[in-house]
């Protein structure tokens, strides 16, 4: 028995039973000459025709786009472009968040006029199949990347967002929907 065991170099061996199509091979050769940023932009198809306004590629015309925004930004935009329909004053809105109506990422946003006290309220997410759409999207997104409840809680803690609620109930309903499909 030798005193020192010698290890040989490992060789990378691809799956020898499958072969890439000729089209995929030529596409891979073309991508080698392109920068990484251009490959990412082309692969994501950010500006498809059915999601973008023809005149301005920066505007998304899809009705249910979810974004994370700061409430102060909404307040600034609202006060810049709108006026109260009761007292016709401008730069008069408070944008608040009702803490008792918070349901995870879905929350109620009341708009209150400083001058006359008129208020209007709207939910930040639509309800679909007895659950808020944003919660279902969170669950599906976390499952697509292979993470679960703990990863979602960590993400929300880092982003300083309210924790996701009823994760298990949404997960079971998502499993039922996937099994029927």
C-alpha atoms as a PDB file:
ATOM      1  CA  UNK A   1       0.000   0.000   0.000  1.00  0.00           C
ATOM      2  CA  UNK A   2       1.492   3.363  -1.009  1.00  0.00           C
ATOM      3  CA  UNK A   3       2.036   5.955   1.692  1.00  0.00           C
ATOM      4  CA  UNK A   4       0.570   8.787  -0.368  1.00  0.00           C
ATOM      5  CA  UNK A   5      -2.602   8.465  -2.362  1.00  0.00           C
ATOM      6  CA  UNK A   6      -2.491  10.335  -5.651  1.00  0.00           C
ATOM      7  CA  UNK A   7      -5.652  11.876  -7.028  1.00  0.00           C
ATOM      8  CA  UNK A   8      -6.069  12.381 -10.718  1.00  0.00           C
ATOM      9  CA  UNK A   9      -7.700  15.375 -12.355  1.00  0.00           C
ATOM     10  CA  UNK A  10     -11.427  15.211 -12.810  1.00  0.00           C
ATOM     11  CA  UNK A  11     -12.744  15.668 -16.288  1.00  0.00           C
ATOM     12  CA  UNK A  12     -16.055  17.325 -17.007  1.00  0.00           C
ATOM     13  CA  UNK A  13     -18.242  14.920 -18.942  1.00  0.00           C
ATOM     14  CA  UNK A  14     -21.555  16.074 -20.286  1.00  0.00           C
ATOM     15  CA  UNK A  15     -24.581  13.879 -20.580  1.00  0.00           C
ATOM     16  CA  UNK A  16     -23.589  11.623 -23.435  1.00  0.00           C
ATOM     17  CA  UNK A  17     -27.112  10.399 -24.138  1.00  0.00           C
ATOM     18  CA  UNK A  18     -28.653  13.731 -25.126  1.00  0.00           C
ATOM     19  CA  UNK A  19     -27.519  16.086 -27.832  1.00  0.00           C
ATOM     20  CA  UNK A  20     -28.384  19.740 -28.338  1.00  0.00           C
ATOM     21  CA  UNK A  21     -30.284  20.662 -31.439  1.00  0.00           C
ATOM     22  CA  UNK A  22     -28.358  22.298 -34.241  1.00  0.00           C
ATOM     23  CA  UNK A  23     -30.381  25.482 -33.748  1.00  0.00           C
ATOM     24  CA  UNK A  24     -29.383  25.683 -30.083  1.00  0.00           C
ATOM     25  CA  UNK A  25     -25.727  25.159 -30.964  1.00  0.00           C
ATOM     26  CA  UNK A  26     -25.745  28.037 -33.449  1.00  0.00           C
ATOM     27  CA  UNK A  27     -27.596  30.259 -30.957  1.00  0.00           C
ATOM     28  CA  UNK A  28     -24.958  29.510 -28.315  1.00  0.00           C
ATOM     29  CA  UNK A  29     -22.187  30.465 -30.738  1.00  0.00           C
ATOM     30  CA  UNK A  30     -23.918  33.779 -31.472  1.00  0.00           C
ATOM     31  CA  UNK A  31     -24.308  34.529 -27.759  1.00  0.00           C
ATOM     32  CA  UNK A  32     -20.587  34.114 -27.146  1.00  0.00           C
ATOM     33  CA  UNK A  33     -19.883  37.326 -29.083  1.00  0.00           C
ATOM     34  CA  UNK A  34     -22.490  39.376 -27.174  1.00  0.00           C
ATOM     35  CA  UNK A  35     -22.041  41.101 -23.809  1.00  0.00           C
ATOM     36  CA  UNK A  36     -23.686  39.619 -20.709  1.00  0.00           C
ATOM     37  CA  UNK A  37     -25.986  42.615 -20.299  1.00  0.00           C
ATOM     38  CA  UNK A  38     -27.278  42.304 -23.843  1.00  0.00           C
ATOM     39  CA  UNK A  39     -27.933  38.582 -23.361  1.00  0.00           C
ATOM     40  CA  UNK A  40     -29.955  39.295 -20.214  1.00  0.00           C
ATOM     41  CA  UNK A  41     -31.980  42.036 -21.883  1.00  0.00           C
ATOM     42  CA  UNK A  42     -32.738  39.909 -24.918  1.00  0.00           C
ATOM     43  CA  UNK A  43     -33.649  36.829 -22.915  1.00  0.00           C
ATOM     44  CA  UNK A  44     -36.074  38.597 -20.579  1.00  0.00           C
ATOM     45  CA  UNK A  45     -38.199  40.094 -23.376  1.00  0.00           C
ATOM     46  CA  UNK A  46     -38.962  43.145 -21.231  1.00  0.00           C
ATOM     47  CA  UNK A  47     -40.760  45.102 -23.891  1.00  0.00           C
ATOM     48  CA  UNK A  48     -43.160  42.708 -25.538  1.00  0.00           C
ATOM     49  CA  UNK A  49     -45.860  44.320 -27.654  1.00  0.00           C
ATOM     50  CA  UNK A  50     -48.823  43.338 -25.500  1.00  0.00           C
ATOM     51  CA  UNK A  51     -47.399  44.812 -22.279  1.00  0.00           C
ATOM     52  CA  UNK A  52     -45.987  48.161 -23.434  1.00  0.00           C
ATOM     53  CA  UNK A  53     -47.453  51.339 -24.823  1.00  0.00           C
ATOM     54  CA  UNK A  54     -46.398  51.865 -28.436  1.00  0.00           C
ATOM     55  CA  UNK A  55     -45.337  55.495 -27.898  1.00  0.00           C
ATOM     56  CA  UNK A  56     -43.329  55.043 -24.711  1.00  0.00           C
ATOM     57  CA  UNK A  57     -41.414  51.869 -23.893  1.00  0.00           C
ATOM     58  CA  UNK A  58     -40.984  52.981 -20.251  1.00  0.00           C
ATOM     59  CA  UNK A  59     -44.696  52.768 -19.445  1.00  0.00           C
ATOM     60  CA  UNK A  60     -46.317  49.461 -18.658  1.00  0.00           C
ATOM     61  CA  UNK A  61     -49.953  49.276 -19.728  1.00  0.00           C
ATOM     62  CA  UNK A  62     -50.691  46.032 -17.895  1.00  0.00           C
ATOM     63  CA  UNK A  63     -53.391  46.595 -15.288  1.00  0.00           C
ATOM     64  CA  UNK A  64     -52.100  44.406 -12.459  1.00  0.00           C
ATOM     65  CA  UNK A  65     -48.413  45.220 -12.191  1.00  0.00           C
ATOM     66  CA  UNK A  66     -47.011  44.852  -8.665  1.00  0.00           C
ATOM     67  CA  UNK A  67     -44.277  47.191  -7.465  1.00  0.00           C
ATOM     68  CA  UNK A  68     -42.818  48.209  -4.120  1.00  0.00           C
ATOM     69  CA  UNK A  69     -43.086  51.964  -3.569  1.00  0.00           C
ATOM     70  CA  UNK A  70     -42.530  54.422  -0.745  1.00  0.00           C
ATOM     71  CA  UNK A  71     -45.686  56.070   0.607  1.00  0.00           C
ATOM     72  CA  UNK A  72     -43.960  59.469   0.551  1.00  0.00           C
ATOM     73  CA  UNK A  73     -43.442  59.053  -3.192  1.00  0.00           C
ATOM     74  CA  UNK A  74     -47.139  58.341  -3.689  1.00  0.00           C
ATOM     75  CA  UNK A  75     -48.004  61.392  -1.576  1.00  0.00           C
ATOM     76  CA  UNK A  76     -45.744  63.634  -3.664  1.00  0.00           C
ATOM     77  CA  UNK A  77     -47.211  62.408  -6.949  1.00  0.00           C
ATOM     78  CA  UNK A  78     -50.785  62.611  -5.667  1.00  0.00           C
ATOM     79  CA  UNK A  79     -50.343  66.180  -4.400  1.00  0.00           C
ATOM     80  CA  UNK A  80     -48.664  67.251  -7.636  1.00  0.00           C
ATOM     81  CA  UNK A  81     -51.286  66.035 -10.101  1.00  0.00           C
ATOM     82  CA  UNK A  82     -54.606  65.973  -8.250  1.00  0.00           C
ATOM     83  CA  UNK A  83     -57.043  68.151  -6.385  1.00  0.00           C
ATOM     84  CA  UNK A  84     -59.828  67.367  -3.937  1.00  0.00           C
ATOM     85  CA  UNK A  85     -63.174  66.866  -5.664  1.00  0.00           C
ATOM     86  CA  UNK A  86     -65.082  68.443  -2.743  1.00  0.00           C
ATOM     87  CA  UNK A  87     -63.082  71.606  -1.958  1.00  0.00           C
ATOM     88  CA  UNK A  88     -60.966  71.835  -5.176  1.00  0.00           C
ATOM     89  CA  UNK A  89     -57.765  72.551  -3.260  1.00  0.00           C
ATOM     90  CA  UNK A  90     -54.438  71.195  -4.462  1.00  0.00           C
ATOM     91  CA  UNK A  91     -51.461  69.902  -2.467  1.00  0.00           C
ATOM     92  CA  UNK A  92     -53.803  68.821   0.304  1.00  0.00           C
ATOM     93  CA  UNK A  93     -53.666  65.022   0.605  1.00  0.00           C
ATOM     94  CA  UNK A  94     -52.346  62.825   3.381  1.00  0.00           C
ATOM     95  CA  UNK A  95     -51.471  59.318   2.253  1.00  0.00           C
ATOM     96  CA  UNK A  96     -51.659  56.992   5.241  1.00  0.00           C
ATOM     97  CA  UNK A  97     -51.595  53.300   5.929  1.00  0.00           C
ATOM     98  CA  UNK A  98     -54.225  51.784   8.180  1.00  0.00           C
ATOM     99  CA  UNK A  99     -52.240  49.572  10.531  1.00  0.00           C
ATOM    100  CA  UNK A 100     -55.313  47.616  11.650  1.00  0.00           C
ATOM    101  CA  UNK A 101     -56.214  46.758   8.040  1.00  0.00           C
ATOM    102  CA  UNK A 102     -52.782  45.403   7.122  1.00  0.00           C
ATOM    103  CA  UNK A 103     -52.928  41.850   5.848  1.00  0.00           C
ATOM    104  CA  UNK A 104     -49.331  40.969   5.066  1.00  0.00           C
ATOM    105  CA  UNK A 105     -48.405  42.810   1.889  1.00  0.00           C
ATOM    106  CA  UNK A 106     -51.989  43.820   1.179  1.00  0.00           C
ATOM    107  CA  UNK A 107     -52.971  46.960   3.042  1.00  0.00           C
ATOM    108  CA  UNK A 108     -55.592  49.674   2.905  1.00  0.00           C
ATOM    109  CA  UNK A 109     -54.384  53.091   1.758  1.00  0.00           C
ATOM    110  CA  UNK A 110     -56.680  55.980   2.778  1.00  0.00           C
ATOM    111  CA  UNK A 111     -56.253  59.373   1.115  1.00  0.00           C
ATOM    112  CA  UNK A 112     -57.394  62.238   3.372  1.00  0.00           C
ATOM    113  CA  UNK A 113     -57.805  65.889   2.324  1.00  0.00           C
ATOM    114  CA  UNK A 114     -56.121  68.321   4.754  1.00  0.00           C
ATOM    115  CA  UNK A 115     -58.563  71.117   3.940  1.00  0.00           C
ATOM    116  CA  UNK A 116     -62.032  69.578   4.130  1.00  0.00           C
ATOM    117  CA  UNK A 117     -61.383  66.146   5.677  1.00  0.00           C
ATOM    118  CA  UNK A 118     -62.771  64.185   2.714  1.00  0.00           C
ATOM    119  CA  UNK A 119     -61.302  60.679   2.649  1.00  0.00           C
ATOM    120  CA  UNK A 120     -61.154  57.865   0.156  1.00  0.00           C
ATOM    121  CA  UNK A 121     -59.624  54.439   0.646  1.00  0.00           C
ATOM    122  CA  UNK A 122     -58.322  51.694  -1.605  1.00  0.00           C
ATOM    123  CA  UNK A 123     -56.668  48.321  -1.084  1.00  0.00           C
ATOM    124  CA  UNK A 124     -53.136  47.919  -2.423  1.00  0.00           C
ATOM    125  CA  UNK A 125     -53.900  44.468  -3.901  1.00  0.00           C
ATOM    126  CA  UNK A 126     -56.808  42.791  -5.644  1.00  0.00           C
ATOM    127  CA  UNK A 127     -58.673  39.853  -4.115  1.00  0.00           C
ATOM    128  CA  UNK A 128     -58.760  36.681  -6.179  1.00  0.00           C
ATOM    129  CA  UNK A 129     -60.141  33.343  -4.936  1.00  0.00           C
ATOM    130  CA  UNK A 130     -60.527  34.430  -1.288  1.00  0.00           C
ATOM    131  CA  UNK A 131     -56.924  35.668  -1.040  1.00  0.00           C
ATOM    132  CA  UNK A 132     -55.033  38.788  -1.975  1.00  0.00           C
ATOM    133  CA  UNK A 133     -53.259  38.517  -5.309  1.00  0.00           C
ATOM    134  CA  UNK A 134     -49.940  39.800  -3.951  1.00  0.00           C
ATOM    135  CA  UNK A 135     -49.806  37.034  -1.326  1.00  0.00           C
ATOM    136  CA  UNK A 136     -50.407  34.312  -3.904  1.00  0.00           C
ATOM    137  CA  UNK A 137     -47.714  35.805  -6.131  1.00  0.00           C
ATOM    138  CA  UNK A 138     -45.276  35.855  -3.197  1.00  0.00           C
ATOM    139  CA  UNK A 139     -45.959  32.189  -2.455  1.00  0.00           C
ATOM    140  CA  UNK A 140     -45.620  31.161  -6.083  1.00  0.00           C
ATOM    141  CA  UNK A 141     -42.433  33.197  -6.500  1.00  0.00           C
ATOM    142  CA  UNK A 142     -40.802  31.700  -3.425  1.00  0.00           C
ATOM    143  CA  UNK A 143     -41.735  28.180  -4.566  1.00  0.00           C
ATOM    144  CA  UNK A 144     -40.369  28.845  -8.068  1.00  0.00           C
ATOM    145  CA  UNK A 145     -36.952  29.731  -6.660  1.00  0.00           C
ATOM    146  CA  UNK A 146     -37.037  26.762  -4.296  1.00  0.00           C
ATOM    147  CA  UNK A 147     -37.492  28.651  -1.037  1.00  0.00           C
ATOM    148  CA  UNK A 148     -40.224  28.609   1.565  1.00  0.00           C
ATOM    149  CA  UNK A 149     -41.647  30.391   4.560  1.00  0.00           C
ATOM    150  CA  UNK A 150     -38.352  31.118   6.352  1.00  0.00           C
ATOM    151  CA  UNK A 151     -36.793  32.633   3.229  1.00  0.00           C
ATOM    152  CA  UNK A 152     -39.865  34.815   2.654  1.00  0.00           C
ATOM    153  CA  UNK A 153     -39.716  36.053   6.256  1.00  0.00           C
ATOM    154  CA  UNK A 154     -36.000  36.823   5.913  1.00  0.00           C
ATOM    155  CA  UNK A 155     -36.574  38.706   2.662  1.00  0.00           C
ATOM    156  CA  UNK A 156     -39.368  40.756   4.173  1.00  0.00           C
ATOM    157  CA  UNK A 157     -37.287  41.540   7.285  1.00  0.00           C
ATOM    158  CA  UNK A 158     -34.389  42.766   5.170  1.00  0.00           C
ATOM    159  CA  UNK A 159     -36.712  44.871   2.987  1.00  0.00           C
ATOM    160  CA  UNK A 160     -38.477  46.293   6.100  1.00  0.00           C
ATOM    161  CA  UNK A 161     -41.867  45.043   4.916  1.00  0.00           C
ATOM    162  CA  UNK A 162     -44.662  43.492   6.975  1.00  0.00           C
ATOM    163  CA  UNK A 163     -44.232  39.718   7.325  1.00  0.00           C
ATOM    164  CA  UNK A 164     -46.179  37.426   5.001  1.00  0.00           C
ATOM    165  CA  UNK A 165     -49.281  36.109   6.723  1.00  0.00           C
ATOM    166  CA  UNK A 166     -50.974  32.700   6.432  1.00  0.00           C
ATOM    167  CA  UNK A 167     -48.145  31.147   4.448  1.00  0.00           C
ATOM    168  CA  UNK A 168     -49.282  27.558   5.071  1.00  0.00           C
ATOM    169  CA  UNK A 169     -52.876  28.186   3.959  1.00  0.00           C
ATOM    170  CA  UNK A 170     -51.713  29.779   0.711  1.00  0.00           C
ATOM    171  CA  UNK A 171     -49.197  26.995   0.147  1.00  0.00           C
ATOM    172  CA  UNK A 172     -51.868  24.303   0.489  1.00  0.00           C
ATOM    173  CA  UNK A 173     -54.235  26.121  -1.876  1.00  0.00           C
ATOM    174  CA  UNK A 174     -51.397  26.575  -4.364  1.00  0.00           C
ATOM    175  CA  UNK A 175     -50.591  22.840  -4.142  1.00  0.00           C
ATOM    176  CA  UNK A 176     -54.242  21.965  -4.820  1.00  0.00           C
ATOM    177  CA  UNK A 177     -54.329  24.279  -7.834  1.00  0.00           C
ATOM    178  CA  UNK A 178     -51.126  22.806  -9.237  1.00  0.00           C
ATOM    179  CA  UNK A 179     -52.304  19.235  -8.737  1.00  0.00           C
ATOM    180  CA  UNK A 180     -55.575  19.891 -10.597  1.00  0.00           C
ATOM    181  CA  UNK A 181     -53.692  21.540 -13.470  1.00  0.00           C
END
